[in-house]
Amino acid sequence: MDAKYKQGVAIGSNEKMDKKINVLGVELDNYGADEALEIVQEYMQNDRLNTIGIVTMQMLMLAGEDEQWKTYMKDLDMSIIGETEILAAAGIEADGTLYEEIESNEFLARLFWYLIQKQSRVFVLGETQDEVESLDKYLQETYPGLQMAGGAVVESLDEAGVDSLLNEINSATADVIVSGLKGTRQDEVVMDNRSKISAKIWLSLGEHPTVQNEAGIKTSWWGSLLKKNTFKRMVTKYKNEQTDG
């Protein structure tokens, strides 16, 4: 990881570098939509691939069990908080615009309208053909004018499979890759091959229930409720352990 990008030198503001929160031992960026979009604009000018990830409760819970998850989130160039429960876990009161922006997916809306204005080309990735088609359709219908460069199903992560995927992405001359891949497949694809990808931004949607539902990818409301309760218990336990320690 190039430290100057990770630490935000290209952003042009020391204040932005300090906007961090810690949840369950994972350090996350805590930018508002305006600040995050400024960083995106810098990324679009870079000569390298920058990674942005939507971080959810599920990802944070898994980070406590799987070091690869924690490494993936640490290595992101910018993390975007995807659920308000994460702000609450960090002790941020629910009386500011950050909560409203997260609930309305403000960052994603700003990002895609910016890409429309810049006539940037978007390539989508998914686990199945149905997911790729659903995500492609969702983006086109939600953000009219967005230029789609194509999409691909990630079936194999062996060397031949990854090489074929990278060739497909690069031949599409995409500026932004929107990934619906689950689990640490993000890490296995992009973090190990970022120098081979000609796009400017890799955007990982994570397992974001709101976006998935809107895109027609089914999620369980009961599972979401259980997840919220489990997350709250884990945060309480973690804070108690830190206090006792």
C-alpha atoms as a PDB file:
ATOM      1  CA  MET A   1       0.000   0.000   0.000  1.00  0.00           C
ATOM      2  CA  ASP A   2       1.360   3.411  -0.983  1.00  0.00           C
ATOM      3  CA  ALA A   3       1.313   5.289   2.338  1.00  0.00           C
ATOM      4  CA  LYS A   4       0.919   8.743   0.853  1.00  0.00           C
ATOM      5  CA  TYR A   5      -2.404   7.799  -0.738  1.00  0.00           C
ATOM      6  CA  LYS A   6      -3.664   5.844   2.258  1.00  0.00           C
ATOM      7  CA  GLN A   7      -2.882   8.724   4.606  1.00  0.00           C
ATOM      8  CA  GLY A   8      -4.512  11.274   2.340  1.00  0.00           C
ATOM      9  CA  VAL A   9      -1.652  13.494   1.181  1.00  0.00           C
ATOM     10  CA  ALA A  10      -3.385  13.847  -2.175  1.00  0.00           C
ATOM     11  CA  ILE A  11      -6.491  15.193  -0.457  1.00  0.00           C
ATOM     12  CA  GLY A  12      -4.873  18.488   0.412  1.00  0.00           C
ATOM     13  CA  SER A  13      -6.197  18.769   3.965  1.00  0.00           C
ATOM     14  CA  ASN A  14      -4.750  17.554   7.259  1.00  0.00           C
ATOM     15  CA  GLU A  15      -8.229  17.807   8.743  1.00  0.00           C
ATOM     16  CA  LYS A  16      -9.485  15.026   6.485  1.00  0.00           C
ATOM     17  CA  MET A  17      -6.623  12.783   7.525  1.00  0.00           C
ATOM     18  CA  ASP A  18      -7.791  12.971  11.139  1.00  0.00           C
ATOM     19  CA  LYS A  19     -11.390  11.910  10.503  1.00  0.00           C
ATOM     20  CA  LYS A  20     -11.150   8.367  11.808  1.00  0.00           C
ATOM     21  CA  ILE A  21     -13.278   6.255  14.105  1.00  0.00           C
ATOM     22  CA  ASN A  22     -12.540   2.892  15.697  1.00  0.00           C
ATOM     23  CA  VAL A  23     -15.195   0.186  15.838  1.00  0.00           C
ATOM     24  CA  LEU A  24     -14.456  -3.307  17.144  1.00  0.00           C
ATOM     25  CA  GLY A  25     -10.756  -2.600  16.756  1.00  0.00           C
ATOM     26  CA  VAL A  26     -11.048  -1.578  13.094  1.00  0.00           C
ATOM     27  CA  GLU A  27     -10.122   1.973  12.077  1.00  0.00           C
ATOM     28  CA  LEU A  28     -12.539   3.512   9.588  1.00  0.00           C
ATOM     29  CA  ASP A  29     -12.749   6.776   7.675  1.00  0.00           C
ATOM     30  CA  ASN A  30     -15.565   9.040   8.808  1.00  0.00           C
ATOM     31  CA  TYR A  31     -16.123  11.452   5.930  1.00  0.00           C
ATOM     32  CA  GLY A  32     -19.258  13.296   5.002  1.00  0.00           C
ATOM     33  CA  ALA A  33     -20.484  12.930   1.416  1.00  0.00           C
ATOM     34  CA  ASP A  34     -18.894  16.218   0.292  1.00  0.00           C
ATOM     35  CA  GLU A  35     -15.488  15.303   1.706  1.00  0.00           C
ATOM     36  CA  ALA A  36     -15.632  11.801   0.269  1.00  0.00           C
ATOM     37  CA  LEU A  37     -16.492  13.133  -3.173  1.00  0.00           C
ATOM     38  CA  GLU A  38     -13.511  15.498  -3.050  1.00  0.00           C
ATOM     39  CA  ILE A  39     -11.308  12.466  -2.466  1.00  0.00           C
ATOM     40  CA  VAL A  40     -12.986  10.659  -5.367  1.00  0.00           C
ATOM     41  CA  GLN A  41     -12.118  13.578  -7.637  1.00  0.00           C
ATOM     42  CA  GLU A  42      -8.472  13.219  -6.592  1.00  0.00           C
ATOM     43  CA  TYR A  43      -8.586   9.497  -7.261  1.00  0.00           C
ATOM     44  CA  MET A  44      -9.889  10.111 -10.784  1.00  0.00           C
ATOM     45  CA  GLN A  45      -6.741  12.127 -11.476  1.00  0.00           C
ATOM     46  CA  ASN A  46      -4.330   9.495 -10.159  1.00  0.00           C
ATOM     47  CA  ASP A  47      -2.399   7.123 -12.380  1.00  0.00           C
ATOM     48  CA  ARG A  48      -3.253   4.152 -10.172  1.00  0.00           C
ATOM     49  CA  LEU A  49      -6.287   2.184  -9.041  1.00  0.00           C
ATOM     50  CA  ASN A  50      -7.784   3.436  -5.775  1.00  0.00           C
ATOM     51  CA  THR A  51     -10.095   1.289  -3.686  1.00  0.00           C
ATOM     52  CA  ILE A  52     -13.290   2.418  -1.952  1.00  0.00           C
ATOM     53  CA  GLY A  53     -15.331   0.055   0.197  1.00  0.00           C
ATOM     54  CA  ILE A  54     -18.758   0.352   1.778  1.00  0.00           C
ATOM     55  CA  VAL A  55     -18.320  -1.038   5.299  1.00  0.00           C
ATOM     56  CA  THR A  56     -21.226  -2.834   6.980  1.00  0.00           C
ATOM     57  CA  MET A  57     -21.879  -4.341  10.411  1.00  0.00           C
ATOM     58  CA  GLN A  58     -21.427  -7.803   8.949  1.00  0.00           C
ATOM     59  CA  MET A  59     -17.923  -6.962   7.738  1.00  0.00           C
ATOM     60  CA  LEU A  60     -16.908  -5.570  11.127  1.00  0.00           C
ATOM     61  CA  MET A  61     -18.211  -8.616  12.950  1.00  0.00           C
ATOM     62  CA  LEU A  62     -16.327 -10.946  10.627  1.00  0.00           C
ATOM     63  CA  ALA A  63     -13.137  -8.943  11.113  1.00  0.00           C
ATOM     64  CA  GLY A  64     -12.996 -10.203  14.676  1.00  0.00           C
ATOM     65  CA  GLU A  65     -12.953 -13.783  13.415  1.00  0.00           C
ATOM     66  CA  ASP A  66     -10.948 -13.522  10.208  1.00  0.00           C
ATOM     67  CA  GLU A  67      -7.731 -11.530   9.980  1.00  0.00           C
ATOM     68  CA  GLN A  68      -8.111 -11.357   6.198  1.00  0.00           C
ATOM     69  CA  TRP A  69     -11.278  -9.284   6.612  1.00  0.00           C
ATOM     70  CA  LYS A  70      -9.493  -6.842   8.914  1.00  0.00           C
ATOM     71  CA  THR A  71      -6.549  -6.583   6.525  1.00  0.00           C
ATOM     72  CA  TYR A  72      -8.884  -5.906   3.601  1.00  0.00           C
ATOM     73  CA  MET A  73     -10.601  -3.028   5.395  1.00  0.00           C
ATOM     74  CA  LYS A  74      -7.282  -1.614   6.569  1.00  0.00           C
ATOM     75  CA  ASP A  75      -5.912  -1.673   3.031  1.00  0.00           C
ATOM     76  CA  LEU A  76      -8.846   0.221   1.492  1.00  0.00           C
ATOM     77  CA  ASP A  77      -7.855   3.682   0.303  1.00  0.00           C
ATOM     78  CA  MET A  78     -11.182   4.987   1.590  1.00  0.00           C
ATOM     79  CA  SER A  79     -13.843   3.283   3.690  1.00  0.00           C
ATOM     80  CA  ILE A  80     -17.436   4.509   3.555  1.00  0.00           C
ATOM     81  CA  ILE A  81     -19.684   3.749   6.522  1.00  0.00           C
ATOM     82  CA  GLY A  82     -22.719   1.934   5.177  1.00  0.00           C
ATOM     83  CA  GLU A  83     -24.974   1.596   8.236  1.00  0.00           C
ATOM     84  CA  THR A  84     -25.853   4.079  10.989  1.00  0.00           C
ATOM     85  CA  GLU A  85     -25.346   1.448  13.688  1.00  0.00           C
ATOM     86  CA  ILE A  86     -21.610   1.773  13.029  1.00  0.00           C
ATOM     87  CA  LEU A  87     -21.719   5.481  13.914  1.00  0.00           C
ATOM     88  CA  ALA A  88     -23.656   4.679  17.080  1.00  0.00           C
ATOM     89  CA  ALA A  89     -21.040   2.073  18.021  1.00  0.00           C
ATOM     90  CA  ALA A  90     -18.370   4.769  17.698  1.00  0.00           C
ATOM     91  CA  GLY A  91     -20.282   7.017  20.084  1.00  0.00           C
ATOM     92  CA  ILE A  92     -21.433   9.512  17.456  1.00  0.00           C
ATOM     93  CA  GLU A  93     -24.820  10.928  18.419  1.00  0.00           C
ATOM     94  CA  ALA A  94     -27.751  10.637  16.026  1.00  0.00           C
ATOM     95  CA  ASP A  95     -28.310  14.340  15.577  1.00  0.00           C
ATOM     96  CA  GLY A  96     -26.077  15.217  12.641  1.00  0.00           C
ATOM     97  CA  THR A  97     -26.089  15.042   8.867  1.00  0.00           C
ATOM     98  CA  LEU A  98     -23.880  11.947   8.822  1.00  0.00           C
ATOM     99  CA  TYR A  99     -26.786   9.774   9.943  1.00  0.00           C
ATOM    100  CA  GLU A 100     -29.045  11.263   7.287  1.00  0.00           C
ATOM    101  CA  GLU A 101     -26.419  10.794   4.587  1.00  0.00           C
ATOM    102  CA  ILE A 102     -25.892   7.148   5.472  1.00  0.00           C
ATOM    103  CA  GLU A 103     -29.617   6.388   5.620  1.00  0.00           C
ATOM    104  CA  SER A 104     -30.178   7.962   2.195  1.00  0.00           C
ATOM    105  CA  ASN A 105     -26.995   6.510   0.593  1.00  0.00           C
ATOM    106  CA  GLU A 106     -25.954  10.072  -0.145  1.00  0.00           C
ATOM    107  CA  PHE A 107     -22.373   9.196  -1.056  1.00  0.00           C
ATOM    108  CA  LEU A 108     -23.382   6.676  -3.702  1.00  0.00           C
ATOM    109  CA  ALA A 109     -25.874   9.120  -5.218  1.00  0.00           C
ATOM    110  CA  ARG A 110     -23.268  11.902  -5.367  1.00  0.00           C
ATOM    111  CA  LEU A 111     -20.661   9.538  -6.760  1.00  0.00           C
ATOM    112  CA  PHE A 112     -22.782   8.229  -9.630  1.00  0.00           C
ATOM    113  CA  TRP A 113     -24.076  11.658 -10.631  1.00  0.00           C
ATOM    114  CA  TYR A 114     -20.472  12.857 -10.671  1.00  0.00           C
ATOM    115  CA  LEU A 115     -19.557   9.949 -12.950  1.00  0.00           C
ATOM    116  CA  ILE A 116     -22.427  10.888 -15.262  1.00  0.00           C
ATOM    117  CA  GLN A 117     -21.171  14.463 -15.491  1.00  0.00           C
ATOM    118  CA  LYS A 118     -17.647  13.262 -16.257  1.00  0.00           C
ATOM    119  CA  GLN A 119     -18.935  10.669 -18.760  1.00  0.00           C
ATOM    120  CA  SER A 120     -17.005   8.007 -16.887  1.00  0.00           C
ATOM    121  CA  ARG A 121     -17.464   4.374 -17.844  1.00  0.00           C
ATOM    122  CA  VAL A 122     -18.629   1.823 -15.256  1.00  0.00           C
ATOM    123  CA  PHE A 123     -18.007  -1.934 -15.231  1.00  0.00           C
ATOM    124  CA  VAL A 124     -19.921  -4.217 -12.828  1.00  0.00           C
ATOM    125  CA  LEU A 125     -18.898  -7.483 -11.178  1.00  0.00           C
ATOM    126  CA  GLY A 126     -21.057 -10.095  -9.473  1.00  0.00           C
ATOM    127  CA  GLU A 127     -21.177 -13.666  -8.237  1.00  0.00           C
ATOM    128  CA  THR A 128     -23.782 -14.796 -10.787  1.00  0.00           C
ATOM    129  CA  GLN A 129     -25.109 -13.603 -14.128  1.00  0.00           C
ATOM    130  CA  ASP A 130     -28.379 -12.618 -12.451  1.00  0.00           C
ATOM    131  CA  GLU A 131     -26.499 -10.424  -9.977  1.00  0.00           C
ATOM    132  CA  VAL A 132     -24.503  -8.746 -12.736  1.00  0.00           C
ATOM    133  CA  GLU A 133     -27.646  -8.064 -14.763  1.00  0.00           C
ATOM    134  CA  SER A 134     -29.581  -6.839 -11.698  1.00  0.00           C
ATOM    135  CA  LEU A 135     -26.804  -4.485 -10.655  1.00  0.00           C
ATOM    136  CA  ASP A 136     -26.376  -3.180 -14.209  1.00  0.00           C
ATOM    137  CA  LYS A 137     -30.130  -2.579 -14.527  1.00  0.00           C
ATOM    138  CA  TYR A 138     -30.331  -0.920 -11.107  1.00  0.00           C
ATOM    139  CA  LEU A 139     -27.523   1.525 -11.904  1.00  0.00           C
ATOM    140  CA  GLN A 140     -28.948   2.444 -15.307  1.00  0.00           C
ATOM    141  CA  GLU A 141     -32.481   2.945 -13.989  1.00  0.00           C
ATOM    142  CA  THR A 142     -31.433   4.815 -10.842  1.00  0.00           C
ATOM    143  CA  TYR A 143     -28.829   7.015 -12.527  1.00  0.00           C
ATOM    144  CA  PRO A 144     -29.983   7.712 -16.109  1.00  0.00           C
ATOM    145  CA  GLY A 145     -27.092   8.680 -18.318  1.00  0.00           C
ATOM    146  CA  LEU A 146     -24.525   6.530 -16.532  1.00  0.00           C
ATOM    147  CA  GLN A 147     -22.253   4.965 -19.142  1.00  0.00           C
ATOM    148  CA  MET A 148     -21.993   1.212 -18.636  1.00  0.00           C
ATOM    149  CA  ALA A 149     -18.871  -0.463 -20.010  1.00  0.00           C
ATOM    150  CA  GLY A 150     -20.036  -4.013 -19.387  1.00  0.00           C
ATOM    151  CA  GLY A 151     -19.963  -6.596 -16.636  1.00  0.00           C
ATOM    152  CA  ALA A 152     -18.557  -9.962 -15.666  1.00  0.00           C
ATOM    153  CA  VAL A 153     -19.269 -12.927 -13.418  1.00  0.00           C
ATOM    154  CA  VAL A 154     -16.362 -13.847 -11.160  1.00  0.00           C
ATOM    155  CA  GLU A 155     -16.418 -17.646 -11.256  1.00  0.00           C
ATOM    156  CA  SER A 156     -12.852 -18.642 -10.522  1.00  0.00           C
ATOM    157  CA  LEU A 157     -10.042 -17.028  -8.570  1.00  0.00           C
ATOM    158  CA  ASP A 158      -7.265 -19.265  -9.880  1.00  0.00           C
ATOM    159  CA  GLU A 159      -4.528 -17.607 -11.890  1.00  0.00           C
ATOM    160  CA  ALA A 160      -6.167 -18.256 -15.255  1.00  0.00           C
ATOM    161  CA  GLY A 161      -9.553 -17.040 -14.015  1.00  0.00           C
ATOM    162  CA  VAL A 162      -8.153 -13.815 -12.588  1.00  0.00           C
ATOM    163  CA  ASP A 163      -6.081 -13.123 -15.731  1.00  0.00           C
ATOM    164  CA  SER A 164      -9.175 -13.606 -17.885  1.00  0.00           C
ATOM    165  CA  LEU A 165     -11.180 -11.263 -15.636  1.00  0.00           C
ATOM    166  CA  LEU A 166      -8.497  -8.568 -15.709  1.00  0.00           C
ATOM    167  CA  ASN A 167      -8.292  -8.771 -19.507  1.00  0.00           C
ATOM    168  CA  GLU A 168     -12.066  -8.363 -19.737  1.00  0.00           C
ATOM    169  CA  ILE A 169     -12.050  -5.352 -17.412  1.00  0.00           C
ATOM    170  CA  ASN A 170      -9.152  -3.629 -19.150  1.00  0.00           C
ATOM    171  CA  SER A 171     -10.490  -4.251 -22.645  1.00  0.00           C
ATOM    172  CA  ALA A 172     -13.711  -2.491 -21.630  1.00  0.00           C
ATOM    173  CA  THR A 173     -11.692   0.687 -20.864  1.00  0.00           C
ATOM    174  CA  ALA A 174     -13.682   1.260 -17.695  1.00  0.00           C
ATOM    175  CA  ASP A 175     -12.980   4.135 -15.318  1.00  0.00           C
ATOM    176  CA  VAL A 176     -14.817   2.683 -12.324  1.00  0.00           C
ATOM    177  CA  ILE A 177     -15.447  -0.930 -11.319  1.00  0.00           C
ATOM    178  CA  VAL A 178     -18.516  -1.505  -9.165  1.00  0.00           C
ATOM    179  CA  SER A 179     -18.149  -4.801  -7.376  1.00  0.00           C
ATOM    180  CA  GLY A 180     -20.914  -6.827  -5.783  1.00  0.00           C
ATOM    181  CA  LEU A 181     -18.519  -9.614  -4.814  1.00  0.00           C
ATOM    182  CA  LYS A 182     -19.076 -11.107  -1.385  1.00  0.00           C
ATOM    183  CA  GLY A 183     -16.657 -11.889   1.370  1.00  0.00           C
ATOM    184  CA  THR A 184     -12.925 -11.494   0.992  1.00  0.00           C
ATOM    185  CA  ARG A 185     -13.097 -12.155  -2.752  1.00  0.00           C
ATOM    186  CA  GLN A 186     -12.503  -8.392  -3.067  1.00  0.00           C
ATOM    187  CA  ASP A 187      -9.157  -8.829  -1.396  1.00  0.00           C
ATOM    188  CA  GLU A 188      -8.242 -11.821  -3.504  1.00  0.00           C
ATOM    189  CA  VAL A 189      -9.008 -10.011  -6.762  1.00  0.00           C
ATOM    190  CA  VAL A 190      -8.186  -6.349  -6.406  1.00  0.00           C
ATOM    191  CA  MET A 191      -5.601  -6.018  -3.643  1.00  0.00           C
ATOM    192  CA  ASP A 192      -3.308  -8.586  -5.231  1.00  0.00           C
ATOM    193  CA  ASN A 193      -3.767  -7.295  -8.786  1.00  0.00           C
ATOM    194  CA  ARG A 194      -4.357  -3.552  -8.515  1.00  0.00           C
ATOM    195  CA  SER A 195      -1.260  -2.683 -10.567  1.00  0.00           C
ATOM    196  CA  LYS A 196      -2.690  -4.735 -13.469  1.00  0.00           C
ATOM    197  CA  ILE A 197      -6.063  -2.939 -13.545  1.00  0.00           C
ATOM    198  CA  SER A 198      -6.265   0.169 -15.716  1.00  0.00           C
ATOM    199  CA  ALA A 199      -9.392   1.653 -14.083  1.00  0.00           C
ATOM    200  CA  LYS A 200      -9.252   4.579 -11.644  1.00  0.00           C
ATOM    201  CA  ILE A 201     -11.574   3.350  -8.881  1.00  0.00           C
ATOM    202  CA  TRP A 202     -12.693  -0.009  -7.532  1.00  0.00           C
ATOM    203  CA  LEU A 203     -15.920   0.472  -5.568  1.00  0.00           C
ATOM    204  CA  SER A 204     -16.921  -2.443  -3.369  1.00  0.00           C
ATOM    205  CA  LEU A 205     -20.572  -2.349  -2.327  1.00  0.00           C
ATOM    206  CA  GLY A 206     -19.893  -4.874   0.414  1.00  0.00           C
ATOM    207  CA  GLU A 207     -22.958  -6.795   1.510  1.00  0.00           C
ATOM    208  CA  HIS A 208     -25.066  -3.663   1.795  1.00  0.00           C
ATOM    209  CA  PRO A 209     -28.711  -4.635   2.448  1.00  0.00           C
ATOM    210  CA  THR A 210     -30.245  -1.372   1.206  1.00  0.00           C
ATOM    211  CA  VAL A 211     -28.382  -1.387  -2.106  1.00  0.00           C
ATOM    212  CA  GLN A 212     -28.972  -5.110  -2.563  1.00  0.00           C
ATOM    213  CA  ASN A 213     -32.706  -4.741  -2.009  1.00  0.00           C
ATOM    214  CA  GLU A 214     -32.955  -1.789  -4.382  1.00  0.00           C
ATOM    215  CA  ALA A 215     -30.973  -3.712  -6.991  1.00  0.00           C
ATOM    216  CA  GLY A 216     -33.310  -6.684  -6.680  1.00  0.00           C
ATOM    217  CA  ILE A 217     -30.836  -8.926  -4.867  1.00  0.00           C
ATOM    218  CA  LYS A 218     -32.846 -10.542  -2.088  1.00  0.00           C
ATOM    219  CA  THR A 219     -31.833 -10.205   1.549  1.00  0.00           C
ATOM    220  CA  SER A 220     -33.629 -11.386   4.664  1.00  0.00           C
ATOM    221  CA  TRP A 221     -35.158  -8.753   6.960  1.00  0.00           C
ATOM    222  CA  TRP A 222     -35.041 -11.282   9.795  1.00  0.00           C
ATOM    223  CA  GLY A 223     -31.362 -11.873   9.157  1.00  0.00           C
ATOM    224  CA  SER A 224     -30.794  -8.111   9.173  1.00  0.00           C
ATOM    225  CA  LEU A 225     -32.528  -7.769  12.544  1.00  0.00           C
ATOM    226  CA  LEU A 226     -30.483 -10.563  14.067  1.00  0.00           C
ATOM    227  CA  LYS A 227     -27.336  -8.980  12.647  1.00  0.00           C
ATOM    228  CA  LYS A 228     -28.102  -5.623  14.295  1.00  0.00           C
ATOM    229  CA  ASN A 229     -28.669  -7.231  17.682  1.00  0.00           C
ATOM    230  CA  THR A 230     -25.516  -9.330  17.409  1.00  0.00           C
ATOM    231  CA  PHE A 231     -23.493  -6.298  16.371  1.00  0.00           C
ATOM    232  CA  LYS A 232     -24.703  -4.282  19.375  1.00  0.00           C
ATOM    233  CA  ARG A 233     -23.775  -7.111  21.748  1.00  0.00           C
ATOM    234  CA  MET A 234     -20.313  -7.414  20.191  1.00  0.00           C
ATOM    235  CA  VAL A 235     -19.698  -3.679  20.502  1.00  0.00           C
ATOM    236  CA  THR A 236     -20.761  -3.682  24.162  1.00  0.00           C
ATOM    237  CA  LYS A 237     -18.526  -6.675  24.898  1.00  0.00           C
ATOM    238  CA  TYR A 238     -15.578  -5.073  23.080  1.00  0.00           C
ATOM    239  CA  LYS A 239     -15.936  -1.787  24.972  1.00  0.00           C
ATOM    240  CA  ASN A 240     -16.189  -3.611  28.305  1.00  0.00           C
ATOM    241  CA  GLU A 241     -13.060  -5.582  27.520  1.00  0.00           C
ATOM    242  CA  GLN A 242     -11.196  -2.387  26.617  1.00  0.00           C
ATOM    243  CA  THR A 243     -12.321  -0.760  29.865  1.00  0.00           C
ATOM    244  CA  ASP A 244     -11.406  -3.778  32.008  1.00  0.00           C
ATOM    245  CA  GLY A 245      -8.080  -4.139  30.254  1.00  0.00           C
END
